[in-house]
């Protein structure tokens, strides 16, 4: 083990193993019909009005682009950048002298990882579908059809519906089924209502299913 964990690199190995653990947690949660990242975002609620600006922690999270990407993704980026920077620092220093003490190497790695996380998350936010939580924009999604990607949708924990807006942009909406319905993953749904970042859906009528398949080349 000593041949693998070189002196001064233990924190960076821990960060790397944590990234692997977070990925495993997300994978298992999706297989169980929920998204760990979605549940964490819902619990922390950094997307709420004014939340990201309140307090020192909120200010840092806002600066790192919390809300632009899921918190779990943000953590993976930060830990990965911290780990990579730490290994690089110790490898470079090791060419000339003994490895840096842990506190010095960790401080330097964190100083590099924070701006990298900010830049990376901003770029990633332009690519991945994002949850829509703006009350001003929610009305734009009422009446759209989409596919359940994380379900089933019922009246319990919200699932996720993937929809395409009028400009062909893809969005991932947190949604529940209207009371009386249980909608399986992969089913086509119609968004009928929404408030405070949460939408309500019903199974799409047959006519809308045909229109949806036609518009997608089916």
Protein backbone atom coordinates (compact mmCIF):
# COMPACT_ATOMS: atom_id res chain seq x y z
CA UNK A 1 0.00 0.00 0.00
CA UNK A 2 2.88 2.35 0.78
CA UNK A 3 4.05 1.98 -2.81
CA UNK A 4 0.67 3.26 -4.03
CA UNK A 5 -0.01 6.02 -1.49
CA UNK A 6 3.09 8.15 -1.79
CA UNK A 7 4.05 10.51 1.06
CA UNK A 8 1.94 13.65 1.13
CA UNK A 9 -0.84 12.29 -1.14
CA UNK A 10 -3.29 10.71 1.33
CA UNK A 11 -5.89 13.56 1.15
CA UNK A 12 -5.91 13.35 -2.63
CA UNK A 13 -6.49 9.59 -2.59
CA UNK A 14 -9.36 10.14 -0.14
CA UNK A 15 -10.87 12.77 -2.47
CA UNK A 16 -10.54 10.39 -5.43
CA UNK A 17 -12.20 7.53 -3.54
CA UNK A 18 -14.97 9.89 -2.44
CA UNK A 19 -15.67 10.77 -6.08
CA UNK A 20 -16.00 7.07 -6.86
CA UNK A 21 -18.32 6.64 -3.87
CA UNK A 22 -20.54 9.55 -4.94
CA UNK A 23 -20.80 8.08 -8.42
CA UNK A 24 -21.84 4.74 -6.97
CA UNK A 25 -24.45 6.38 -4.72
CA UNK A 26 -25.95 8.24 -7.68
CA UNK A 27 -26.01 5.09 -9.81
CA UNK A 28 -27.74 3.03 -7.11
CA UNK A 29 -30.25 5.80 -6.37
CA UNK A 30 -31.20 6.09 -10.05
CA UNK A 31 -31.65 2.31 -10.27
CA UNK A 32 -33.97 2.56 -7.25
CA UNK A 33 -36.08 5.22 -9.00
CA UNK A 34 -34.69 8.38 -7.40
CA UNK A 35 -31.77 10.69 -7.99
CA UNK A 36 -29.47 11.35 -5.05
CA UNK A 37 -28.35 14.64 -6.60
CA UNK A 38 -31.97 15.72 -7.05
CA UNK A 39 -32.86 14.82 -3.46
CA UNK A 40 -29.82 16.69 -2.14
CA UNK A 41 -30.67 19.78 -4.21
CA UNK A 42 -34.25 19.62 -2.94
CA UNK A 43 -33.09 19.36 0.68
CA UNK A 44 -30.51 22.15 0.48
CA UNK A 45 -32.72 24.29 -1.79
CA UNK A 46 -29.90 26.51 -3.09
CA UNK A 47 -32.17 27.35 -6.02
CA UNK A 48 -34.69 29.13 -3.85
CA UNK A 49 -34.97 32.92 -4.13
CA UNK A 50 -32.23 34.55 -2.12
CA UNK A 51 -30.96 31.29 -0.58
CA UNK A 52 -27.70 31.24 -2.48
CA UNK A 53 -26.86 34.71 -1.22
CA UNK A 54 -27.54 34.18 2.48
CA UNK A 55 -24.58 33.67 4.77
CA UNK A 56 -20.93 32.91 4.12
CA UNK A 57 -21.59 29.34 2.97
CA UNK A 58 -24.39 30.49 0.68
CA UNK A 59 -22.11 33.13 -0.84
CA UNK A 60 -19.40 30.57 -1.55
CA UNK A 61 -21.89 28.11 -3.03
CA UNK A 62 -23.32 30.84 -5.26
CA UNK A 63 -19.80 31.79 -6.42
CA UNK A 64 -19.10 28.15 -7.25
CA UNK A 65 -22.30 28.10 -9.34
CA UNK A 66 -24.54 26.05 -7.02
CA UNK A 67 -27.92 25.92 -8.76
CA UNK A 68 -26.32 26.03 -12.20
CA UNK A 69 -25.41 22.36 -11.82
CA UNK A 70 -26.58 19.78 -9.26
CA UNK A 71 -24.79 19.92 -5.90
CA UNK A 72 -23.51 16.35 -6.32
CA UNK A 73 -21.98 17.25 -9.69
CA UNK A 74 -20.40 20.33 -8.12
CA UNK A 75 -18.89 18.15 -5.37
CA UNK A 76 -17.49 15.69 -7.92
CA UNK A 77 -15.88 18.51 -9.92
CA UNK A 78 -14.36 20.08 -6.79
CA UNK A 79 -13.02 16.80 -5.38
CA UNK A 80 -11.67 15.69 -8.76
CA UNK A 81 -9.91 19.03 -9.31
CA UNK A 82 -8.54 18.95 -5.74
CA UNK A 83 -7.22 15.42 -6.22
CA UNK A 84 -5.65 16.11 -9.63
CA UNK A 85 -4.05 19.35 -8.44
CA UNK A 86 -2.65 17.67 -5.33
CA UNK A 87 -1.07 14.80 -7.25
CA UNK A 88 0.37 17.25 -9.79
CA UNK A 89 1.85 19.50 -7.09
CA UNK A 90 3.49 16.63 -5.24
CA UNK A 91 4.79 15.07 -8.45
CA UNK A 92 6.34 18.37 -9.53
CA UNK A 93 7.87 19.12 -6.13
CA UNK A 94 9.10 15.53 -5.86
CA UNK A 95 11.45 16.12 -8.80
CA UNK A 96 13.47 18.60 -6.74
CA UNK A 97 12.95 17.77 -3.04
CA UNK A 98 10.89 15.85 -0.53
CA UNK A 99 7.09 16.09 -0.95
CA UNK A 100 5.38 19.07 0.64
CA UNK A 101 3.77 18.65 4.08
CA UNK A 102 0.13 17.64 3.90
CA UNK A 103 -1.24 21.03 4.97
CA UNK A 104 0.83 22.89 2.37
CA UNK A 105 -0.03 20.51 -0.46
CA UNK A 106 -3.73 20.46 0.46
CA UNK A 107 -3.87 24.27 0.68
CA UNK A 108 -2.24 24.66 -2.72
CA UNK A 109 -4.49 22.02 -4.29
CA UNK A 110 -7.62 23.67 -2.88
CA UNK A 111 -6.50 27.08 -4.13
CA UNK A 112 -6.26 25.62 -7.64
CA UNK A 113 -9.41 23.48 -7.40
CA UNK A 114 -11.81 26.27 -6.42
CA UNK A 115 -11.42 28.43 -9.58
CA UNK A 116 -11.29 25.31 -11.76
CA UNK A 117 -14.59 24.19 -10.23
CA UNK A 118 -16.18 27.56 -10.91
CA UNK A 119 -15.08 27.62 -14.56
CA UNK A 120 -15.93 23.98 -15.18
CA UNK A 121 -19.38 24.18 -13.60
CA UNK A 122 -20.26 27.26 -15.63
CA UNK A 123 -19.34 25.47 -18.84
CA UNK A 124 -21.16 22.30 -17.80
CA UNK A 125 -24.30 24.26 -16.92
CA UNK A 126 -24.61 25.28 -20.58
CA UNK A 127 -24.59 21.63 -21.69
CA UNK A 128 -26.56 19.51 -19.25
CA UNK A 129 -30.33 19.83 -18.83
CA UNK A 130 -31.11 21.91 -15.77
CA UNK A 131 -33.99 21.95 -13.35
CA UNK A 132 -36.36 24.87 -13.91
CA UNK A 133 -37.22 26.62 -10.64
CA UNK A 134 -38.04 30.15 -11.74
CA UNK A 135 -41.69 30.89 -11.07
CA UNK A 136 -41.62 33.45 -13.89
CA UNK A 137 -40.69 30.74 -16.41
CA UNK A 138 -42.82 27.87 -15.17
CA UNK A 139 -45.88 28.90 -17.16
CA UNK A 140 -43.85 28.35 -20.35
CA UNK A 141 -43.73 24.61 -19.63
CA UNK A 142 -47.43 24.07 -19.01
CA UNK A 143 -48.89 22.14 -21.93
CA UNK A 144 -45.60 20.63 -23.08
CA UNK A 145 -45.10 16.89 -23.42
CA UNK A 146 -42.04 15.09 -22.14
CA UNK A 147 -40.61 11.73 -21.15
CA UNK A 148 -40.23 10.46 -17.60
CA UNK A 149 -36.51 9.84 -17.09
CA UNK A 150 -36.54 9.22 -13.34
CA UNK A 151 -39.70 7.62 -12.03
CA UNK A 152 -42.22 6.33 -11.58
CA UNK A 153 -44.13 9.54 -11.01
CA UNK A 154 -46.65 9.34 -8.21
CA UNK A 155 -47.61 11.57 -5.29
CA UNK A 156 -44.45 10.79 -3.28
CA UNK A 157 -40.93 12.01 -4.01
CA UNK A 158 -40.65 13.99 -7.27
CA UNK A 159 -39.23 12.32 -10.34
CA UNK A 160 -37.77 13.92 -13.46
CA UNK A 161 -39.37 14.67 -16.82
CA UNK A 162 -37.27 15.57 -19.84
CA UNK A 163 -38.99 18.13 -22.09
CA UNK A 164 -38.07 20.17 -25.14
CA UNK A 165 -39.19 23.80 -25.22
CA UNK A 166 -40.28 25.81 -28.27
CA UNK A 167 -36.64 26.69 -28.99
CA UNK A 168 -35.59 23.00 -28.95
CA UNK A 169 -33.74 23.42 -25.64
CA UNK A 170 -33.83 20.38 -23.34
CA UNK A 171 -34.94 20.80 -19.71
CA UNK A 172 -35.15 18.38 -16.78
CA UNK A 173 -38.23 19.22 -14.72
CA UNK A 174 -38.95 17.98 -11.19
CA UNK A 175 -42.42 16.51 -11.38
CA UNK A 176 -45.10 14.46 -9.64
CA UNK A 177 -48.13 12.73 -11.09
CA UNK A 178 -51.54 14.30 -10.61
CA UNK A 179 -53.45 12.42 -7.86
CA UNK A 180 -54.97 9.22 -9.23
CA UNK A 181 -52.09 8.51 -11.62
CA UNK A 182 -48.89 6.48 -11.42
CA UNK A 183 -46.67 7.03 -14.45
CA UNK A 184 -43.79 4.68 -15.21
CA UNK A 185 -40.29 5.64 -16.31
CA UNK A 186 -40.12 6.07 -20.08
CA UNK A 187 -43.77 7.09 -20.42
CA UNK A 188 -44.85 10.22 -22.28
CA UNK A 189 -46.56 12.80 -20.07
CA UNK A 190 -48.32 16.13 -20.38
CA UNK A 191 -47.30 18.93 -18.00
CA UNK A 192 -50.53 20.40 -16.64
CA UNK A 193 -49.49 22.54 -13.66
CA UNK A 194 -46.49 23.79 -11.72
CA UNK A 195 -45.48 25.94 -8.78
CA UNK A 196 -42.28 26.64 -6.82
CA UNK A 197 -40.09 24.55 -9.10
CA UNK A 198 -42.33 21.47 -9.02
CA UNK A 199 -44.55 20.38 -11.92
CA UNK A 200 -47.57 18.08 -12.13
CA UNK A 201 -48.09 15.69 -15.02
CA UNK A 202 -50.66 13.30 -16.42
CA UNK A 203 -50.21 10.53 -19.00
CA UNK A 204 -50.16 12.12 -22.43
CA UNK A 205 -53.39 11.64 -24.43
CA UNK A 206 -53.08 9.39 -27.48
CA UNK A 207 -53.34 12.32 -29.90
CA UNK A 208 -50.40 14.06 -28.25
CA UNK A 209 -48.39 10.82 -28.28
CA UNK A 210 -48.86 10.61 -32.05
CA UNK A 211 -47.83 14.26 -32.47
CA UNK A 212 -44.79 13.67 -30.27
CA UNK A 213 -43.65 10.64 -32.26
CA UNK A 214 -44.22 12.49 -35.55
CA UNK A 215 -42.18 15.50 -34.43
CA UNK A 216 -39.35 13.16 -33.42
CA UNK A 217 -39.29 11.32 -36.70
CA UNK A 218 -41.29 8.35 -35.46
